PDB file of N, CA and C in Angstrom:
ATOM      1  N   MET A   1      92.632  69.789 113.661  1.00  0.00           N
ATOM      2  CA  MET A   1      90.813  69.751 114.132  1.00  0.00           C
ATOM      3  C   MET A   1      90.259  68.936 113.105  1.00  0.00           C
ATOM      4  N   ALA A   2      90.555  67.705 113.428  1.00  0.00           N
ATOM      5  CA  ALA A   2      89.730  67.276 112.273  1.00  0.00           C
ATOM      6  C   ALA A   2      87.774  66.955 112.752  1.00  0.00           C
ATOM      7  N   ILE A   3      87.672  67.046 111.306  1.00  0.00           N
ATOM      8  CA  ILE A   3      85.980  67.174 111.349  1.00  0.00           C
ATOM      9  C   ILE A   3      85.537  65.940 110.485  1.00  0.00           C
ATOM     10  N   ASP A   4      84.543  65.337 111.229  1.00  0.00           N
ATOM     11  CA  ASP A   4      83.881  64.284 110.772  1.00  0.00           C
ATOM     12  C   ASP A   4      82.636  64.913 110.106  1.00  0.00           C
ATOM     13  N   LEU A   5      82.736  64.415 108.483  1.00  0.00           N
ATOM     14  CA  LEU A   5      81.925  64.986 107.325  1.00  0.00           C
ATOM     15  C   LEU A   5      80.653  63.459 107.830  1.00  0.00           C
ATOM     16  N   GLU A   6      81.067  62.542 108.149  1.00  0.00           N
ATOM     17  CA  GLU A   6      80.510  61.004 107.755  1.00  0.00           C
ATOM     18  C   GLU A   6      78.929  61.796 108.797  1.00  0.00           C
ATOM     19  N   LYS A   7      79.173  62.394 109.412  1.00  0.00           N
ATOM     20  CA  LYS A   7      78.896  62.732 111.133  1.00  0.00           C
ATOM     21  C   LYS A   7      77.688  63.948 110.741  1.00  0.00           C
ATOM     22  N   MET A   8      77.740  64.754 109.735  1.00  0.00           N
ATOM     23  CA  MET A   8      77.549  66.213 109.448  1.00  0.00           C
ATOM     24  C   MET A   8      75.940  65.880 108.760  1.00  0.00           C
ATOM     25  N   SER A   9      74.981  66.539 109.217  1.00  0.00           N
ATOM     26  CA  SER A   9      74.086  66.003 108.041  1.00  0.00           C
ATOM     27  C   SER A   9      74.195  66.777 106.666  1.00  0.00           C
ATOM     28  N   LYS A  10      73.017  67.253 106.266  1.00  0.00           N
ATOM     29  CA  LYS A  10      73.388  67.869 104.401  1.00  0.00           C
ATOM     30  C   LYS A  10      73.374  69.334 105.203  1.00  0.00           C
ATOM     31  N   ASP A  11      72.622  69.640 106.364  1.00  0.00           N
ATOM     32  CA  ASP A  11      72.330  71.035 106.003  1.00  0.00           C
ATOM     33  C   ASP A  11      73.641  71.843 106.506  1.00  0.00           C
ATOM     34  N   GLU A  12      74.202  70.817 107.654  1.00  0.00           N
ATOM     35  CA  GLU A  12      75.493  71.248 108.351  1.00  0.00           C
ATOM     36  C   GLU A  12      76.072  71.173 107.241  1.00  0.00           C
ATOM     37  N   LEU A  13      76.498  70.559 106.524  1.00  0.00           N
ATOM     38  CA  LEU A  13      77.376  70.241 105.370  1.00  0.00           C
ATOM     39  C   LEU A  13      77.257  72.042 104.325  1.00  0.00           C
ATOM     40  N   LYS A  14      75.935  72.130 103.411  1.00  0.00           N
ATOM     41  CA  LYS A  14      75.857  73.221 103.270  1.00  0.00           C
ATOM     42  C   LYS A  14      76.290  74.135 103.694  1.00  0.00           C
ATOM     43  N   GLN A  15      76.407  74.666 105.254  1.00  0.00           N
ATOM     44  CA  GLN A  15      76.765  75.762 106.059  1.00  0.00           C
ATOM     45  C   GLN A  15      78.205  75.741 106.297  1.00  0.00           C
ATOM     46  N   LEU A  16      78.998  75.033 106.290  1.00  0.00           N
ATOM     47  CA  LEU A  16      79.853  74.516 106.135  1.00  0.00           C
ATOM     48  C   LEU A  16      81.025  74.706 105.205  1.00  0.00           C
ATOM     49  N   ARG A  17      80.347  74.534 104.213  1.00  0.00           N
ATOM     50  CA  ARG A  17      80.627  74.748 102.364  1.00  0.00           C
ATOM     51  C   ARG A  17      81.410  76.235 102.064  1.00  0.00           C
ATOM     52  N   SER A  18      79.533  77.207 103.062  1.00  0.00           N
ATOM     53  CA  SER A  18      79.211  78.154 102.648  1.00  0.00           C
ATOM     54  C   SER A  18      80.188  79.023 103.698  1.00  0.00           C
ATOM     55  N   ASP A  19      81.119  78.489 104.686  1.00  0.00           N
ATOM     56  CA  ASP A  19      81.354  79.228 105.427  1.00  0.00           C
ATOM     57  C   ASP A  19      83.320  79.627 105.153  1.00  0.00           C
ATOM     58  N   VAL A  20      83.657  77.517 104.721  1.00  0.00           N
ATOM     59  CA  VAL A  20      84.601  77.092 103.679  1.00  0.00           C
ATOM     60  C   VAL A  20      84.841  78.850 102.259  1.00  0.00           C
ATOM     61  N   ASP A  21      84.151  78.948 101.716  1.00  0.00           N
ATOM     62  CA  ASP A  21      83.918  79.480 100.759  1.00  0.00           C
ATOM     63  C   ASP A  21      84.425  81.336 100.934  1.00  0.00           C
ATOM     64  N   LYS A  22      83.517  81.517 102.236  1.00  0.00           N
ATOM     65  CA  LYS A  22      83.299  82.813 102.658  1.00  0.00           C
ATOM     66  C   LYS A  22      84.852  83.341 102.977  1.00  0.00           C
ATOM     67  N   ALA A  23      85.866  81.925 103.883  1.00  0.00           N
ATOM     68  CA  ALA A  23      87.003  82.287 104.544  1.00  0.00           C
ATOM     69  C   ALA A  23      87.974  82.503 103.003  1.00  0.00           C
ATOM     70  N   LEU A  24      87.841  81.447 101.825  1.00  0.00           N
ATOM     71  CA  LEU A  24      88.923  81.401 100.858  1.00  0.00           C
ATOM     72  C   LEU A  24      88.251  82.668 100.594  1.00  0.00           C
ATOM     73  N   LYS A  25      87.188  83.997  99.843  1.00  0.00           N
ATOM     74  CA  LYS A  25      86.881  84.768  99.546  1.00  0.00           C
ATOM     75  C   LYS A  25      88.257  86.119 100.717  1.00  0.00           C
ATOM     76  N   THR A  26      88.181  85.560 101.469  1.00  0.00           N
ATOM     77  CA  THR A  26      88.468  86.889 102.431  1.00  0.00           C
ATOM     78  C   THR A  26      89.876  86.911 102.631  1.00  0.00           C
ATOM     79  N   VAL A  27      90.941  85.500 102.545  1.00  0.00           N
ATOM     80  CA  VAL A  27      92.007  85.292 102.684  1.00  0.00           C
ATOM     81  C   VAL A  27      92.910  85.943 101.087  1.00  0.00           C
ATOM     82  N   GLU A  28      91.927  85.311 100.139  1.00  0.00           N
ATOM     83  CA  GLU A  28      92.740  86.119  98.840  1.00  0.00           C
ATOM     84  C   GLU A  28      92.211  87.701  98.843  1.00  0.00           C
ATOM     85  N   ALA A  29      90.942  88.299  99.634  1.00  0.00           N
ATOM     86  CA  ALA A  29      91.197  89.992  99.378  1.00  0.00           C
ATOM     87  C   ALA A  29      91.925  90.110 100.502  1.00  0.00           C
ATOM     88  N   ARG A  30      92.842  89.639 100.931  1.00  0.00           N
ATOM     89  CA  ARG A  30      93.324  90.074 102.219  1.00  0.00           C
ATOM     90  C   ARG A  30      94.701  90.000 101.362  1.00  0.00           C
ATOM     91  N   ARG A  31      95.531  89.226 100.708  1.00  0.00           N
ATOM     92  CA  ARG A  31      96.608  88.633 100.395  1.00  0.00           C
ATOM     93  C   ARG A  31      96.603  89.691  98.702  1.00  0.00           C
ATOM     94  N   ARG A  32      95.583  90.068  98.720  1.00  0.00           N
ATOM     95  CA  ARG A  32      95.778  90.835  96.776  1.00  0.00           C
ATOM     96  C   ARG A  32      95.447  91.927  97.801  1.00  0.00           C
ATOM     97  N   ALA A  33      95.450  93.036  99.371  1.00  0.00           N
ATOM     98  CA  ALA A  33      95.110  93.760  99.482  1.00  0.00           C
ATOM     99  C   ALA A  33      97.077  93.800 100.195  1.00  0.00           C
ATOM    100  N   GLU A  34      97.158  92.681 100.409  1.00  0.00           N
ATOM    101  CA  GLU A  34      99.147  93.149 101.345  1.00  0.00           C
ATOM    102  C   GLU A  34      99.704  93.387 100.214  1.00  0.00           C
ATOM    103  N   ALA A  35      99.418  92.396  98.952  1.00  0.00           N
ATOM    104  CA  ALA A  35     100.117  93.000  97.320  1.00  0.00           C
ATOM    105  C   ALA A  35     100.392  94.038  97.073  1.00  0.00           C
ATOM    106  N   LYS A  36      99.067  94.545  96.636  1.00  0.00           N
ATOM    107  CA  LYS A  36      98.789  96.273  96.513  1.00  0.00           C
ATOM    108  C   LYS A  36      99.923  96.822  97.272  1.00  0.00           C
ATOM    109  N   ARG A  37      99.711  96.548  98.587  1.00  0.00           N
ATOM    110  CA  ARG A  37      99.977  97.911  99.316  1.00  0.00           C
ATOM    111  C   ARG A  37     101.696  97.532  98.887  1.00  0.00           C
ATOM    112  N   ALA A  38     102.378  96.080  98.906  1.00  0.00           N
ATOM    113  CA  ALA A  38     103.741  95.934  98.377  1.00  0.00           C
ATOM    114  C   ALA A  38     104.341  96.393  97.139  1.00  0.00           C
ATOM    115  N   ALA A  39     103.626  96.194  95.785  1.00  0.00           N
ATOM    116  CA  ALA A  39     103.435  97.309  94.800  1.00  0.00           C
ATOM    117  C   ALA A  39     103.782  98.401  94.801  1.00  0.00           C
ATOM    118  N   ASP A  40     102.548  99.279  95.883  1.00  0.00           N
ATOM    119  CA  ASP A  40     102.839 100.136  95.834  1.00  0.00           C
ATOM    120  C   ASP A  40     104.258 100.870  96.606  1.00  0.00           C
ATOM    121  N   ALA A  41     104.048 100.647  97.661  1.00  0.00           N
ATOM    122  CA  ALA A  41     105.883 100.255  97.716  1.00  0.00           C
ATOM    123  C   ALA A  41     106.672 100.394  97.068  1.00  0.00           C
ATOM    124  N   VAL A  42     106.821  99.711  96.062  1.00  0.00           N
ATOM    125  CA  VAL A  42     107.962 100.281  95.188  1.00  0.00           C
ATOM    126  C   VAL A  42     108.002 101.007  94.372  1.00  0.00           C
ATOM    127  N   ALA A  43     106.798 101.316  93.775  1.00  0.00           N
ATOM    128  CA  ALA A  43     106.923 101.920  92.634  1.00  0.00           C
ATOM    129  C   ALA A  43     106.918 103.428  93.139  1.00  0.00           C
ATOM    130  N   LYS A  44     106.451 103.810  94.678  1.00  0.00           N
ATOM    131  CA  LYS A  44     106.698 104.863  95.082  1.00  0.00           C
ATOM    132  C   LYS A  44     108.176 104.593  95.148  1.00  0.00           C
ATOM    133  N   GLU A  45     108.876 104.068  95.443  1.00  0.00           N
ATOM    134  CA  GLU A  45     110.557 104.168  95.259  1.00  0.00           C
ATOM    135  C   GLU A  45     111.327 104.602  94.418  1.00  0.00           C
ATOM    136  N   TYR A  46     110.631 104.237  93.260  1.00  0.00           N
ATOM    137  CA  TYR A  46     110.598 104.763  91.992  1.00  0.00           C
ATOM    138  C   TYR A  46     110.225 106.032  91.455  1.00  0.00           C
ATOM    139  N   GLY A  47     109.691 106.992  92.320  1.00  0.00           N
ATOM    140  CA  GLY A  47     108.743 107.399  91.933  1.00  0.00           C
ATOM    141  C   GLY A  47     107.658 107.907  91.483  1.00  0.00           C
ATOM    142  N   PHE A  48     107.047 106.507  91.003  1.00  0.00           N
ATOM    143  CA  PHE A  48     105.609 106.574  90.727  1.00  0.00           C
ATOM    144  C   PHE A  48     104.282 106.275  91.736  1.00  0.00           C
ATOM    145  N   SER A  49     103.558 106.707  91.322  1.00  0.00           N
ATOM    146  CA  SER A  49     102.447 106.078  91.919  1.00  0.00           C
ATOM    147  C   SER A  49     102.173 104.712  91.195  1.00  0.00           C
ATOM    148  N   LEU A  50     101.116 103.822  92.008  1.00  0.00           N
ATOM    149  CA  LEU A  50     101.051 102.473  91.381  1.00  0.00           C
ATOM    150  C   LEU A  50      99.600 103.188  89.904  1.00  0.00           C
ATOM    151  N   ASP A  51      98.821 103.951  90.592  1.00  0.00           N
ATOM    152  CA  ASP A  51      98.270 104.388  89.760  1.00  0.00           C
ATOM    153  C   ASP A  51      98.578 104.371  88.189  1.00  0.00           C
ATOM    154  N   GLU A  52      99.734 105.797  88.494  1.00  0.00           N
ATOM    155  CA  GLU A  52     100.761 105.480  86.989  1.00  0.00           C
ATOM    156  C   GLU A  52     101.124 104.835  86.625  1.00  0.00           C
ATOM    157  N   LEU A  53     101.689 103.632  87.156  1.00  0.00           N
ATOM    158  CA  LEU A  53     101.976 102.508  86.519  1.00  0.00           C
ATOM    159  C   LEU A  53     100.880 101.717  85.431  1.00  0.00           C
ATOM    160  N   ILE A  54      99.767 101.997  86.249  1.00  0.00           N
ATOM    161  CA  ILE A  54      99.281 100.553  85.878  1.00  0.00           C
ATOM    162  C   ILE A  54      98.344 101.355  84.581  1.00  0.00           C
ATOM    163  N   THR A  55      98.428 103.095  84.844  1.00  0.00           N
ATOM    164  CA  THR A  55      97.971 103.148  83.842  1.00  0.00           C
ATOM    165  C   THR A  55      98.866 104.484  82.419  1.00  0.00           C
ATOM    166  N   ALA A  56      99.730 103.559  81.799  1.00  0.00           N
ATOM    167  CA  ALA A  56     100.811 103.654  81.639  1.00  0.00           C
ATOM    168  C   ALA A  56      99.941 105.248  80.530  1.00  0.00           C
ATOM    169  N   ASP A  57      98.886 104.884  80.090  1.00  0.00           N
ATOM    170  CA  ASP A  57      98.806 106.182  79.415  1.00  0.00           C
ATOM    171  C   ASP A  57      98.726 107.150  79.567  1.00  0.00           C
ATOM    172  N   GLY A  58      98.007 107.256  81.095  1.00  0.00           N
ATOM    173  CA  GLY A  58      97.982 108.435  82.232  1.00  0.00           C
ATOM    174  C   GLY A  58      96.461 108.678  81.695  1.00  0.00           C
ATOM    175  N   LYS A  59      95.596 108.041  80.998  1.00  0.00           N
ATOM    176  CA  LYS A  59      93.613 108.185  81.167  1.00  0.00           C
ATOM    177  C   LYS A  59      93.861 107.113  82.435  1.00  0.00           C
ATOM    178  N   GLY A  60      92.522 107.518  82.791  1.00  0.00           N
ATOM    179  CA  GLY A  60      92.107 107.185  84.038  1.00  0.00           C
ATOM    180  C   GLY A  60      91.164 106.132  83.169  1.00  0.00           C
ATOM    181  N   GLY A  61      91.222 104.401  84.309  1.00  0.00           N
ATOM    182  CA  GLY A  61      91.062 103.164  83.833  1.00  0.00           C
ATOM    183  C   GLY A  61      89.405 103.493  84.803  1.00  0.00           C
ATOM    184  N   LYS A  62      89.402 101.733  84.882  1.00  0.00           N
ATOM    185  CA  LYS A  62      88.299 101.123  86.194  1.00  0.00           C
ATOM    186  C   LYS A  62      89.241 101.905  87.421  1.00  0.00           C
ATOM    187  N   GLY A  63      90.422 101.447  87.992  1.00  0.00           N
ATOM    188  CA  GLY A  63      91.044 102.232  89.291  1.00  0.00           C
ATOM    189  C   GLY A  63      91.411 101.426  90.207  1.00  0.00           C
ATOM    190  N   VAL A  64      92.178 101.662  90.776  1.00  0.00           N
ATOM    191  CA  VAL A  64      92.751  99.918  91.920  1.00  0.00           C
ATOM    192  C   VAL A  64      91.338 100.489  93.040  1.00  0.00           C
ATOM    193  N   PRO A  65      91.289  99.348  93.356  1.00  0.00           N
ATOM    194  CA  PRO A  65      90.598  99.898  94.665  1.00  0.00           C
ATOM    195  C   PRO A  65      91.597 100.676  96.202  1.00  0.00           C
ATOM    196  N   LYS A  66      90.558 101.374  96.522  1.00  0.00           N
ATOM    197  CA  LYS A  66      91.135 101.859  97.789  1.00  0.00           C
ATOM    198  C   LYS A  66      90.536 101.003  98.717  1.00  0.00           C
ATOM    199  N   TYR A  67      89.475 100.983  98.437  1.00  0.00           N
ATOM    200  CA  TYR A  67      88.335 100.870 100.005  1.00  0.00           C
ATOM    201  C   TYR A  67      87.852  99.297  99.681  1.00  0.00           C
ATOM    202  N   ALA A  68      87.535  98.776 100.935  1.00  0.00           N
ATOM    203  CA  ALA A  68      86.536  97.235 100.928  1.00  0.00           C
ATOM    204  C   ALA A  68      85.931  97.170 101.960  1.00  0.00           C
ATOM    205  N   ASN A  69      85.009  96.659 101.376  1.00  0.00           N
ATOM    206  CA  ASN A  69      84.101  95.974 102.730  1.00  0.00           C
ATOM    207  C   ASN A  69      84.577  95.170 104.220  1.00  0.00           C
ATOM    208  N   PRO A  70      84.264  95.676 105.345  1.00  0.00           N
ATOM    209  CA  PRO A  70      84.831  94.850 106.165  1.00  0.00           C
ATOM    210  C   PRO A  70      84.153  93.642 106.485  1.00  0.00           C
ATOM    211  N   SER A  71      83.050  93.714 105.947  1.00  0.00           N
ATOM    212  CA  SER A  71      82.485  92.478 106.464  1.00  0.00           C
ATOM    213  C   SER A  71      82.137  91.508 105.233  1.00  0.00           C
ATOM    214  N   ASP A  72      82.710  91.295 103.819  1.00  0.00           N
ATOM    215  CA  ASP A  72      83.260  91.340 102.558  1.00  0.00           C
ATOM    216  C   ASP A  72      83.606  92.103 101.954  1.00  0.00           C
ATOM    217  N   PRO A  73      85.421  91.451 102.084  1.00  0.00           N
ATOM    218  CA  PRO A  73      86.122  92.277 101.650  1.00  0.00           C
ATOM    219  C   PRO A  73      86.315  92.091  99.938  1.00  0.00           C
ATOM    220  N   THR A  74      85.922  91.248  99.695  1.00  0.00           N
ATOM    221  CA  THR A  74      85.481  91.346  97.862  1.00  0.00           C
ATOM    222  C   THR A  74      85.337  92.124  97.518  1.00  0.00           C
ATOM    223  N   GLN A  75      84.197  92.568  98.026  1.00  0.00           N
ATOM    224  CA  GLN A  75      84.199  94.027  97.316  1.00  0.00           C
ATOM    225  C   GLN A  75      84.496  95.436  97.619  1.00  0.00           C
ATOM    226  N   THR A  76      84.861  96.215  96.305  1.00  0.00           N
ATOM    227  CA  THR A  76      85.961  97.202  96.674  1.00  0.00           C
ATOM    228  C   THR A  76      85.159  98.882  96.257  1.00  0.00           C
ATOM    229  N   TRP A  77      86.434  99.448  96.219  1.00  0.00           N
ATOM    230  CA  TRP A  77      85.923 100.312  95.554  1.00  0.00           C
ATOM    231  C   TRP A  77      86.674 101.578  95.257  1.00  0.00           C
ATOM    232  N   THR A  78      87.480 101.875  94.099  1.00  0.00           N
ATOM    233  CA  THR A  78      88.209 102.318  93.644  1.00  0.00           C
ATOM    234  C   THR A  78      88.372 104.252  94.445  1.00  0.00           C
ATOM    235  N   GLY A  79      86.712 104.990  95.291  1.00  0.00           N
ATOM    236  CA  GLY A  79      86.984 106.117  95.559  1.00  0.00           C
ATOM    237  C   GLY A  79      86.132 107.051  94.937  1.00  0.00           C
ATOM    238  N   ARG A  80      85.844 106.189  93.774  1.00  0.00           N
ATOM    239  CA  ARG A  80      85.517 107.598  92.495  1.00  0.00           C
ATOM    240  C   ARG A  80      83.957 106.929  91.878  1.00  0.00           C
ATOM    241  N   GLY A  81      83.313 107.743  91.731  1.00  0.00           N
ATOM    242  CA  GLY A  81      81.663 107.457  90.915  1.00  0.00           C
ATOM    243  C   GLY A  81      80.758 107.591  92.449  1.00  0.00           C
ATOM    244  N   ARG A  82      79.742 106.860  92.475  1.00  0.00           N
ATOM    245  CA  ARG A  82      79.163 106.662  92.971  1.00  0.00           C
ATOM    246  C   ARG A  82      79.494 105.592  94.243  1.00  0.00           C
ATOM    247  N   LYS A  83      79.352 106.379  95.613  1.00  0.00           N
ATOM    248  CA  LYS A  83      79.138 105.434  96.511  1.00  0.00           C
ATOM    249  C   LYS A  83      78.680 104.298  96.578  1.00  0.00           C
ATOM    250  N   PRO A  84      78.909 102.799  96.699  1.00  0.00           N
ATOM    251  CA  PRO A  84      78.286 101.560  96.636  1.00  0.00           C
ATOM    252  C   PRO A  84      77.442 101.253  98.357  1.00  0.00           C
ATOM    253  N   ASN A  85      76.754 100.687  98.130  1.00  0.00           N
ATOM    254  CA  ASN A  85      75.456 100.366  98.859  1.00  0.00           C
ATOM    255  C   ASN A  85      76.538  99.957 100.262  1.00  0.00           C
ATOM    256  N   TRP A  86      77.060  99.415 100.523  1.00  0.00           N
ATOM    257  CA  TRP A  86      78.210  99.064 101.795  1.00  0.00           C
ATOM    258  C   TRP A  86      78.618 100.189 102.322  1.00  0.00           C
ATOM    259  N   VAL A  87      79.430 101.121 101.279  1.00  0.00           N
ATOM    260  CA  VAL A  87      80.511 102.367 101.868  1.00  0.00           C
ATOM    261  C   VAL A  87      78.955 103.501 102.734  1.00  0.00           C
ATOM    262  N   ASN A  88      78.009 103.666 102.085  1.00  0.00           N
ATOM    263  CA  ASN A  88      76.919 104.218 102.505  1.00  0.00           C
ATOM    264  C   ASN A  88      76.292 104.169 103.810  1.00  0.00           C
ATOM    265  N   GLU A  89      76.454 102.617 104.314  1.00  0.00           N
ATOM    266  CA  GLU A  89      75.538 102.022 104.930  1.00  0.00           C
ATOM    267  C   GLU A  89      76.392 101.684 106.146  1.00  0.00           C
ATOM    268  N   SER A  90      78.225 101.604 105.777  1.00  0.00           N
ATOM    269  CA  SER A  90      79.451 102.044 106.773  1.00  0.00           C
ATOM    270  C   SER A  90      79.103 103.583 107.552  1.00  0.00           C
ATOM    271  N   LEU A  91      78.990 104.256 106.447  1.00  0.00           N
ATOM    272  CA  LEU A  91      78.957 105.357 106.946  1.00  0.00           C
ATOM    273  C   LEU A  91      77.942 105.759 107.955  1.00  0.00           C
ATOM    274  N   ALA A  92      76.805 105.483 107.656  1.00  0.00           N
ATOM    275  CA  ALA A  92      75.928 105.908 108.475  1.00  0.00           C
ATOM    276  C   ALA A  92      75.673 104.866 109.412  1.00  0.00           C
ATOM    277  N   ASN A  93      76.566 103.977 110.288  1.00  0.00           N
ATOM    278  CA  ASN A  93      76.194 102.943 111.282  1.00  0.00           C
ATOM    279  C   ASN A  93      77.844 103.936 111.839  1.00  0.00           C
ATOM    280  N   GLY A  94      78.454 105.323 111.186  1.00  0.00           N
ATOM    281  CA  GLY A  94      79.676 105.513 112.398  1.00  0.00           C
ATOM    282  C   GLY A  94      81.138 104.829 111.804  1.00  0.00           C
ATOM    283  N   ALA A  95      81.174 104.196 110.985  1.00  0.00           N
ATOM    284  CA  ALA A  95      82.426 104.365 110.114  1.00  0.00           C
ATOM    285  C   ALA A  95      83.140 105.601 109.257  1.00  0.00           C
ATOM    286  N   SER A  96      84.131 105.759 109.048  1.00  0.00           N
ATOM    287  CA  SER A  96      84.945 106.680 108.343  1.00  0.00           C
ATOM    288  C   SER A  96      84.972 105.886 107.014  1.00  0.00           C
ATOM    289  N   LEU A  97      85.755 106.731 106.214  1.00  0.00           N
ATOM    290  CA  LEU A  97      86.407 106.273 104.593  1.00  0.00           C
ATOM    291  C   LEU A  97      87.806 105.542 105.510  1.00  0.00           C
ATOM    292  N   ASP A  98      88.517 106.277 106.019  1.00  0.00           N
ATOM    293  CA  ASP A  98      89.575 105.710 106.518  1.00  0.00           C
ATOM    294  C   ASP A  98      89.802 104.478 107.145  1.00  0.00           C
ATOM    295  N   ASP A  99      88.475 103.823 107.876  1.00  0.00           N
ATOM    296  CA  ASP A  99      88.070 102.922 108.521  1.00  0.00           C
ATOM    297  C   ASP A  99      87.945 101.504 107.625  1.00  0.00           C
ATOM    298  N   LEU A 100      87.495 102.310 106.124  1.00  0.00           N
ATOM    299  CA  LEU A 100      87.596 101.551 105.199  1.00  0.00           C
ATOM    300  C   LEU A 100      88.611 101.200 104.314  1.00  0.00           C
ATOM    301  N   LYS A 101      89.779 101.673 104.654  1.00  0.00           N
ATOM    302  CA  LYS A 101      90.672 101.494 103.427  1.00  0.00           C
ATOM    303  C   LYS A 101      91.412 100.820 103.384  1.00  0.00           C
ATOM    304  N   ILE A 102      91.598 100.258 102.248  1.00  0.00           N
ATOM    305  CA  ILE A 102      92.726  98.444 102.392  1.00  0.00           C
ATOM    306  C   ILE A 102      93.897  98.902 103.034  1.00  0.00           C
TER     307      ILE A 102
END
């Protein structure tokens, strides 16, 4: 698919750049989630959770994200503390926490 950038207006080019940036963030978030699932599976093979390996001293840290915003996967939540606005909005619109799991 070839896009002729020369024929596009300034506004069209800005929108294209915005769309590309959003697509790149989505791809990165998806790959990060895939990597987390793979790392979690390997940790389980050795009898650990990924959280246990990340926080080696056993004390809590920021935590590993467990939920992601479906409309912007770069927004994540560990499931601890106050729910972010996007979680509350999703729940109000009929989604469940299971729907938001990474």
